Structures are given as C-alpha cells and as structure tokens.
C-alpha cells in the first residue's frame, strides 16, 4: 500500500510531466488516451522536422522576440532538467537506504 510520501512523490512526478508536456506540446497530453498522445507526439515531431528543414534551407537571423522565446524555453528546459536531477538524486538516496 502506498504511503503518504509515495503519493506526494507521485503527484510531484505527475506535475513535472504535465509541465514538460505543456512546454513541448502547448498543452498537457497526459490527459489524452494513448492513441491520441501518440498522434500528437508524431505530429509534433513531424512539425519540428519540417521547421528544421526549412531553417536549413533558408537560414535567417532570429528577431528579438524569437530570441527571447528561445531564451525562455532554454530556462524552462534547464529548470525541468534540475527538477529531474533532484528527483533522480532523491530516488538514489532512497534506493541506497532501502526506503
């Protein structure tokens, strides 16, 4: 039976996944069924591939607004990576101590 701490960690993990979904897809895809999630992921991958190909063919300097958007995304990505690293460390400690 899950303890109160387990439930708290699971909720934190769900919130982290939800924030990552919003960053990547613009909304929380975890609320969709599996087929819909896969469709959104595939469509997003394809869009990124097309955008990357267009950028390779027609490189242009970023306007100030786009630069700010890139910086904002990089900051959010760094924050998410730190959260994931912290969760990994917590899990390592728990495994090490046998909790």
Protein backbone atom coordinates (compact mmCIF):
# COMPACT_ATOMS: atom_id res chain seq x y z
CA UNK A 1 0.00 0.00 0.00
CA UNK A 2 1.47 3.37 -0.98
CA UNK A 3 2.44 5.65 1.86
CA UNK A 4 1.65 9.34 2.12
CA UNK A 5 5.21 10.13 0.97
CA UNK A 6 4.81 7.85 -2.06
CA UNK A 7 1.61 9.63 -3.03
CA UNK A 8 3.30 13.01 -2.62
CA UNK A 9 6.22 11.96 -4.87
CA UNK A 10 3.86 10.52 -7.49
CA UNK A 11 1.92 13.78 -7.53
CA UNK A 12 5.17 15.73 -7.91
CA UNK A 13 6.17 13.45 -10.79
CA UNK A 14 2.78 13.95 -12.46
CA UNK A 15 3.13 17.73 -12.11
CA UNK A 16 6.63 17.60 -13.63
CA UNK A 17 5.36 15.52 -16.56
CA UNK A 18 2.44 17.90 -17.01
CA UNK A 19 4.76 20.94 -17.11
CA UNK A 20 7.04 19.16 -19.60
CA UNK A 21 4.03 18.37 -21.81
CA UNK A 22 2.92 21.98 -21.78
CA UNK A 23 6.44 23.13 -22.67
CA UNK A 24 6.76 20.66 -25.55
CA UNK A 25 3.24 20.45 -26.96
CA UNK A 26 1.45 23.55 -25.68
CA UNK A 27 -0.96 21.53 -23.53
CA UNK A 28 -0.91 18.54 -21.19
CA UNK A 29 -1.15 15.44 -23.39
CA UNK A 30 -1.26 13.12 -20.37
CA UNK A 31 -4.99 13.84 -20.21
CA UNK A 32 -5.44 12.19 -23.65
CA UNK A 33 -5.74 8.48 -24.34
CA UNK A 34 -2.64 6.64 -25.56
CA UNK A 35 -3.52 6.76 -29.28
CA UNK A 36 -4.20 10.48 -29.13
CA UNK A 37 -0.92 11.02 -27.26
CA UNK A 38 0.99 9.08 -29.92
CA UNK A 39 -0.72 11.09 -32.68
CA UNK A 40 0.19 14.40 -31.00
CA UNK A 41 3.80 13.28 -30.47
CA UNK A 42 4.17 12.13 -34.09
CA UNK A 43 2.59 15.32 -35.46
CA UNK A 44 4.86 17.44 -33.26
CA UNK A 45 7.96 15.51 -34.34
CA UNK A 46 7.00 15.94 -37.98
CA UNK A 47 6.38 19.67 -37.49
CA UNK A 48 9.81 20.05 -35.83
CA UNK A 49 11.46 18.13 -38.68
CA UNK A 50 9.77 20.35 -41.28
CA UNK A 51 10.71 23.51 -39.37
CA UNK A 52 14.32 22.32 -39.07
CA UNK A 53 14.46 21.52 -42.79
CA UNK A 54 13.02 24.93 -43.66
CA UNK A 55 15.58 26.61 -41.40
CA UNK A 56 18.43 24.65 -43.03
CA UNK A 57 17.26 25.69 -46.49
CA UNK A 58 16.50 29.31 -45.63
CA UNK A 59 18.53 30.35 -42.60
CA UNK A 60 17.62 33.74 -41.23
CA UNK A 61 18.64 35.56 -38.09
CA UNK A 62 16.17 35.43 -35.23
CA UNK A 63 14.22 38.56 -34.46
CA UNK A 64 14.38 39.86 -30.90
CA UNK A 65 11.03 38.28 -29.99
CA UNK A 66 12.22 34.87 -31.20
CA UNK A 67 15.50 35.25 -29.30
CA UNK A 68 13.55 35.93 -26.11
CA UNK A 69 11.34 32.91 -26.78
CA UNK A 70 14.41 30.70 -27.24
CA UNK A 71 15.94 32.04 -24.03
CA UNK A 72 12.66 31.45 -22.16
CA UNK A 73 12.46 27.89 -23.48
CA UNK A 74 16.09 27.20 -22.52
CA UNK A 75 15.42 28.49 -19.00
CA UNK A 76 12.34 26.29 -18.66
CA UNK A 77 14.29 23.33 -20.01
CA UNK A 78 17.10 23.95 -17.50
CA UNK A 79 14.56 24.21 -14.66
CA UNK A 80 12.91 20.95 -15.73
CA UNK A 81 16.30 19.23 -16.00
CA UNK A 82 17.15 20.39 -12.47
CA UNK A 83 13.84 19.01 -11.17
CA UNK A 84 14.50 15.68 -12.86
CA UNK A 85 18.06 15.58 -11.50
CA UNK A 86 16.75 16.32 -8.00
CA UNK A 87 14.21 13.50 -8.34
CA UNK A 88 16.96 11.14 -9.54
CA UNK A 89 19.12 12.03 -6.54
CA UNK A 90 16.18 11.51 -4.18
CA UNK A 91 15.47 8.10 -5.72
CA UNK A 92 19.15 7.13 -5.48
CA UNK A 93 19.18 8.04 -1.79
CA UNK A 94 16.00 6.08 -1.17
CA UNK A 95 17.38 3.06 -3.00
CA UNK A 96 20.67 3.34 -1.17
CA UNK A 97 18.95 3.47 2.21
CA UNK A 98 16.32 0.89 1.27
CA UNK A 99 13.24 3.10 1.69
